[in-house]
Amino acid sequence: MLDPRKIDGYLLDETHIEGGSKARFFKRFGFGIGDPLILSTSLLAHPSEDTFVGKTVSARGDVKVIFEGPITTPDGRNPHVRTVWRIDARWNAHFVTAVPMTG
């Protein structure tokens, strides 16, 4: 599950205090506020067996799964990103964040 506000109000919002640098990153690869569905679709397709790197469990029992690898972009350059998803009690995945990877 991906809350649309995470896209247009965070990952594509250059004025967001935490998401601004991420917005500039994603916009460099052709994503834009005019069509946030493109980024949503790419993020939803990112988790796979090939990109899975691990999971964490908090003291409260919250489970987060982490994926790293290329994300499909409009310009075809497909940079590597880390996506984090929270797993709820019914085993539904909820998007937490995406982080550009360098190196």
N, C-alpha and C. Protein backbone atom coordinates (compact mmCIF):
# COMPACT_ATOMS: atom_id res chain seq x y z
N MET A 1 0.85 -1.16 0.00
CA MET A 1 0.00 0.00 0.00
C MET A 1 0.90 1.23 0.00
N LEU A 2 0.55 2.20 -0.82
CA LEU A 2 1.35 3.40 -0.93
C LEU A 2 0.43 4.62 -0.84
N ASP A 3 0.57 5.39 0.22
CA ASP A 3 -0.24 6.59 0.42
C ASP A 3 0.20 7.64 -0.61
N PRO A 4 -0.71 8.14 -1.46
CA PRO A 4 -0.34 9.12 -2.48
C PRO A 4 0.31 10.37 -1.91
N ARG A 5 0.01 10.71 -0.66
CA ARG A 5 0.63 11.89 -0.04
C ARG A 5 2.13 11.71 0.15
N LYS A 6 2.58 10.45 0.24
CA LYS A 6 4.02 10.19 0.34
C LYS A 6 4.73 10.57 -0.95
N ILE A 7 4.00 10.54 -2.06
CA ILE A 7 4.61 10.88 -3.35
C ILE A 7 4.60 12.38 -3.55
N ASP A 8 3.41 12.97 -3.68
CA ASP A 8 3.36 14.39 -4.03
C ASP A 8 3.65 15.32 -2.86
N GLY A 9 3.49 14.86 -1.62
CA GLY A 9 3.75 15.71 -0.48
C GLY A 9 5.08 15.46 0.20
N TYR A 10 5.87 14.52 -0.36
CA TYR A 10 7.14 14.16 0.28
C TYR A 10 8.22 13.90 -0.77
N LEU A 11 8.09 12.81 -1.52
CA LEU A 11 9.16 12.43 -2.44
C LEU A 11 9.28 13.33 -3.67
N LEU A 12 8.23 14.06 -4.02
CA LEU A 12 8.32 14.96 -5.17
C LEU A 12 8.15 16.43 -4.77
N ASP A 13 8.23 16.70 -3.47
CA ASP A 13 8.07 18.07 -2.97
C ASP A 13 9.42 18.66 -2.60
N GLU A 14 9.96 19.51 -3.47
CA GLU A 14 11.27 20.09 -3.24
C GLU A 14 11.32 21.00 -2.02
N THR A 15 10.17 21.43 -1.51
CA THR A 15 10.16 22.31 -0.34
C THR A 15 10.04 21.53 0.97
N HIS A 16 9.82 20.22 0.89
CA HIS A 16 9.69 19.40 2.09
C HIS A 16 11.03 19.34 2.81
N ILE A 17 11.03 19.54 4.12
CA ILE A 17 12.27 19.61 4.89
C ILE A 17 13.08 18.31 4.81
N GLU A 18 12.44 17.17 4.79
CA GLU A 18 13.15 15.90 4.70
C GLU A 18 13.16 15.35 3.28
N GLY A 19 12.11 15.63 2.51
CA GLY A 19 11.98 15.04 1.18
C GLY A 19 12.54 15.88 0.06
N GLY A 20 12.95 17.12 0.34
CA GLY A 20 13.42 18.02 -0.71
C GLY A 20 14.56 17.46 -1.54
N SER A 21 15.57 16.91 -0.88
CA SER A 21 16.70 16.35 -1.63
C SER A 21 16.29 15.11 -2.41
N LYS A 22 15.35 14.35 -1.87
CA LYS A 22 14.83 13.18 -2.59
C LYS A 22 14.06 13.63 -3.82
N ALA A 23 13.29 14.70 -3.68
CA ALA A 23 12.52 15.23 -4.82
C ALA A 23 13.46 15.65 -5.94
N ARG A 24 14.53 16.34 -5.60
CA ARG A 24 15.50 16.75 -6.63
C ARG A 24 16.12 15.52 -7.29
N PHE A 25 16.41 14.49 -6.51
CA PHE A 25 16.95 13.25 -7.06
C PHE A 25 15.97 12.62 -8.05
N PHE A 26 14.74 12.39 -7.62
CA PHE A 26 13.76 11.72 -8.49
C PHE A 26 13.44 12.55 -9.74
N LYS A 27 13.40 13.85 -9.60
CA LYS A 27 13.11 14.71 -10.75
C LYS A 27 14.22 14.65 -11.79
N ARG A 28 15.47 14.43 -11.36
CA ARG A 28 16.59 14.30 -12.31
C ARG A 28 16.40 13.10 -13.24
N PHE A 29 15.61 12.13 -12.83
CA PHE A 29 15.41 10.92 -13.62
C PHE A 29 14.07 10.91 -14.34
N GLY A 30 13.39 12.07 -14.37
CA GLY A 30 12.18 12.21 -15.16
C GLY A 30 10.87 12.10 -14.41
N PHE A 31 10.91 11.85 -13.10
CA PHE A 31 9.67 11.84 -12.33
C PHE A 31 9.24 13.28 -12.08
N GLY A 32 7.95 13.50 -11.97
CA GLY A 32 7.50 14.85 -11.73
C GLY A 32 6.17 14.91 -11.00
N ILE A 33 5.91 16.05 -10.40
CA ILE A 33 4.69 16.27 -9.63
C ILE A 33 3.46 16.22 -10.53
N GLY A 34 3.65 16.46 -11.83
CA GLY A 34 2.53 16.44 -12.76
C GLY A 34 1.92 15.07 -12.96
N ASP A 35 2.69 14.02 -12.72
CA ASP A 35 2.17 12.66 -12.85
C ASP A 35 2.80 11.77 -11.78
N PRO A 36 2.35 11.93 -10.53
CA PRO A 36 2.93 11.16 -9.43
C PRO A 36 2.69 9.66 -9.54
N LEU A 37 1.72 9.25 -10.35
CA LEU A 37 1.44 7.83 -10.52
C LEU A 37 2.63 7.07 -11.11
N ILE A 38 3.43 7.75 -11.91
CA ILE A 38 4.61 7.09 -12.50
C ILE A 38 5.58 6.67 -11.40
N LEU A 39 5.85 7.57 -10.45
CA LEU A 39 6.75 7.21 -9.34
C LEU A 39 6.10 6.16 -8.45
N SER A 40 4.82 6.28 -8.18
CA SER A 40 4.12 5.27 -7.37
C SER A 40 4.26 3.89 -7.98
N THR A 41 4.05 3.81 -9.28
CA THR A 41 4.13 2.52 -9.98
C THR A 41 5.54 1.94 -9.89
N SER A 42 6.54 2.78 -10.06
CA SER A 42 7.93 2.32 -9.97
C SER A 42 8.27 1.84 -8.56
N LEU A 43 7.80 2.56 -7.55
CA LEU A 43 8.06 2.16 -6.17
C LEU A 43 7.36 0.85 -5.83
N LEU A 44 6.14 0.69 -6.29
CA LEU A 44 5.41 -0.55 -6.02
C LEU A 44 6.06 -1.75 -6.70
N ALA A 45 6.74 -1.52 -7.81
CA ALA A 45 7.41 -2.62 -8.53
C ALA A 45 8.81 -2.91 -7.98
N HIS A 46 9.33 -2.04 -7.15
CA HIS A 46 10.70 -2.18 -6.66
C HIS A 46 10.94 -3.42 -5.79
N PRO A 47 10.07 -3.72 -4.83
CA PRO A 47 10.32 -4.91 -4.00
C PRO A 47 10.24 -6.20 -4.81
N SER A 48 11.28 -7.00 -4.69
CA SER A 48 11.30 -8.30 -5.36
C SER A 48 12.29 -9.20 -4.63
N GLU A 49 12.31 -10.43 -5.01
CA GLU A 49 13.27 -11.36 -4.43
C GLU A 49 14.69 -10.90 -4.72
N ASP A 50 14.90 -10.32 -5.90
CA ASP A 50 16.24 -9.86 -6.30
C ASP A 50 16.70 -8.63 -5.55
N THR A 51 15.78 -7.77 -5.09
CA THR A 51 16.18 -6.53 -4.42
C THR A 51 16.07 -6.62 -2.89
N PHE A 52 15.55 -7.72 -2.37
CA PHE A 52 15.41 -7.89 -0.92
C PHE A 52 16.79 -7.96 -0.27
N VAL A 53 17.00 -7.14 0.79
CA VAL A 53 18.28 -7.19 1.51
C VAL A 53 18.12 -7.55 2.98
N GLY A 54 16.93 -7.44 3.52
CA GLY A 54 16.76 -7.82 4.91
C GLY A 54 15.53 -7.23 5.55
N LYS A 55 15.41 -7.51 6.85
CA LYS A 55 14.28 -6.97 7.60
C LYS A 55 14.76 -6.57 8.98
N THR A 56 13.99 -5.72 9.61
CA THR A 56 14.26 -5.31 10.98
C THR A 56 12.98 -5.52 11.78
N VAL A 57 13.16 -5.78 13.07
CA VAL A 57 12.03 -5.91 13.97
C VAL A 57 12.31 -5.02 15.17
N SER A 58 11.41 -4.08 15.42
CA SER A 58 11.61 -3.15 16.55
C SER A 58 11.25 -3.85 17.86
N ALA A 59 11.55 -3.18 18.95
CA ALA A 59 11.22 -3.71 20.28
C ALA A 59 9.71 -3.90 20.42
N ARG A 60 8.94 -3.09 19.73
CA ARG A 60 7.47 -3.21 19.76
C ARG A 60 6.96 -4.32 18.85
N GLY A 61 7.85 -4.89 18.06
CA GLY A 61 7.44 -5.96 17.16
C GLY A 61 7.11 -5.49 15.75
N ASP A 62 7.34 -4.20 15.46
CA ASP A 62 7.10 -3.69 14.10
C ASP A 62 8.13 -4.29 13.15
N VAL A 63 7.65 -4.82 12.04
CA VAL A 63 8.53 -5.43 11.04
C VAL A 63 8.65 -4.49 9.85
N LYS A 64 9.89 -4.24 9.44
CA LYS A 64 10.16 -3.46 8.23
C LYS A 64 11.04 -4.30 7.33
N VAL A 65 10.73 -4.29 6.04
CA VAL A 65 11.54 -5.00 5.07
C VAL A 65 12.22 -3.97 4.17
N ILE A 66 13.43 -4.30 3.75
CA ILE A 66 14.27 -3.36 3.03
C ILE A 66 14.68 -3.98 1.69
N PHE A 67 14.59 -3.15 0.65
CA PHE A 67 14.94 -3.56 -0.70
C PHE A 67 15.92 -2.55 -1.28
N GLU A 68 16.92 -3.04 -2.00
CA GLU A 68 17.88 -2.16 -2.65
C GLU A 68 18.11 -2.64 -4.07
N GLY A 69 18.11 -1.68 -4.97
CA GLY A 69 18.37 -2.01 -6.37
C GLY A 69 17.84 -0.94 -7.28
N PRO A 70 17.90 -1.20 -8.58
CA PRO A 70 17.47 -0.19 -9.55
C PRO A 70 15.95 0.02 -9.50
N ILE A 71 15.57 1.25 -9.76
CA ILE A 71 14.16 1.60 -9.89
C ILE A 71 13.94 2.03 -11.34
N THR A 72 12.85 1.59 -11.92
CA THR A 72 12.54 1.96 -13.30
C THR A 72 12.16 3.43 -13.35
N THR A 73 12.83 4.18 -14.23
CA THR A 73 12.61 5.62 -14.32
C THR A 73 12.15 6.01 -15.72
N PRO A 74 11.49 7.16 -15.84
CA PRO A 74 11.03 7.62 -17.16
C PRO A 74 12.16 7.81 -18.16
N ASP A 75 13.35 8.23 -17.69
CA ASP A 75 14.43 8.47 -18.65
C ASP A 75 15.29 7.23 -18.91
N GLY A 76 14.98 6.10 -18.24
CA GLY A 76 15.66 4.85 -18.50
C GLY A 76 17.01 4.66 -17.83
N ARG A 77 17.46 5.61 -17.01
CA ARG A 77 18.77 5.46 -16.36
C ARG A 77 18.71 4.55 -15.14
N ASN A 78 17.55 4.39 -14.52
CA ASN A 78 17.29 3.42 -13.46
C ASN A 78 18.33 3.38 -12.34
N PRO A 79 18.43 4.46 -11.55
CA PRO A 79 19.39 4.49 -10.44
C PRO A 79 18.97 3.54 -9.32
N HIS A 80 19.93 3.25 -8.47
CA HIS A 80 19.65 2.37 -7.34
C HIS A 80 19.07 3.18 -6.18
N VAL A 81 18.05 2.60 -5.56
CA VAL A 81 17.43 3.19 -4.39
C VAL A 81 17.19 2.11 -3.34
N ARG A 82 17.00 2.56 -2.13
CA ARG A 82 16.58 1.67 -1.04
C ARG A 82 15.13 2.02 -0.74
N THR A 83 14.26 1.02 -0.71
CA THR A 83 12.89 1.26 -0.26
C THR A 83 12.65 0.47 1.01
N VAL A 84 11.84 1.06 1.88
CA VAL A 84 11.52 0.44 3.16
C VAL A 84 10.00 0.32 3.25
N TRP A 85 9.55 -0.84 3.69
CA TRP A 85 8.12 -1.14 3.79
C TRP A 85 7.82 -1.69 5.17
N ARG A 86 6.76 -1.21 5.79
CA ARG A 86 6.32 -1.73 7.09
C ARG A 86 5.29 -2.82 6.84
N ILE A 87 5.41 -3.92 7.56
CA ILE A 87 4.48 -5.04 7.42
C ILE A 87 3.52 -4.99 8.61
N ASP A 88 2.23 -4.94 8.33
CA ASP A 88 1.26 -4.87 9.43
C ASP A 88 0.88 -6.27 9.90
N ALA A 89 0.01 -6.34 10.89
CA ALA A 89 -0.39 -7.61 11.49
C ALA A 89 -1.07 -8.56 10.51
N ARG A 90 -1.63 -8.02 9.43
CA ARG A 90 -2.28 -8.85 8.41
C ARG A 90 -1.35 -9.15 7.24
N TRP A 91 -0.08 -8.86 7.39
CA TRP A 91 0.94 -9.08 6.38
C TRP A 91 0.78 -8.20 5.15
N ASN A 92 0.15 -7.03 5.33
CA ASN A 92 0.09 -6.05 4.25
C ASN A 92 1.32 -5.15 4.35
N ALA A 93 1.89 -4.83 3.20
CA ALA A 93 3.06 -3.96 3.16
C ALA A 93 2.63 -2.51 2.97
N HIS A 94 3.23 -1.61 3.76
CA HIS A 94 2.94 -0.18 3.69
C HIS A 94 4.26 0.55 3.41
N PHE A 95 4.30 1.34 2.36
CA PHE A 95 5.48 2.08 1.99
C PHE A 95 5.88 3.06 3.09
N VAL A 96 7.17 3.05 3.45
CA VAL A 96 7.69 3.97 4.47
C VAL A 96 8.49 5.08 3.79
N THR A 97 9.51 4.68 3.02
CA THR A 97 10.37 5.69 2.38
C THR A 97 11.18 5.09 1.25
N ALA A 98 11.75 5.98 0.46
CA ALA A 98 12.72 5.61 -0.58
C ALA A 98 13.91 6.52 -0.38
N VAL A 99 15.11 5.93 -0.49
CA VAL A 99 16.33 6.67 -0.28
C VAL A 99 17.27 6.42 -1.46
N PRO A 100 17.74 7.49 -2.09
CA PRO A 100 18.72 7.32 -3.17
C PRO A 100 19.99 6.65 -2.63
N MET A 101 20.57 5.78 -3.42
CA MET A 101 21.82 5.13 -3.03
C MET A 101 22.94 5.69 -3.90
N THR A 102 24.05 5.95 -3.29
CA THR A 102 25.20 6.45 -4.04
C THR A 102 26.32 5.44 -3.94
N GLY A 103 27.25 5.55 -4.86
CA GLY A 103 28.42 4.68 -4.80
C GLY A 103 28.33 3.64 -5.75
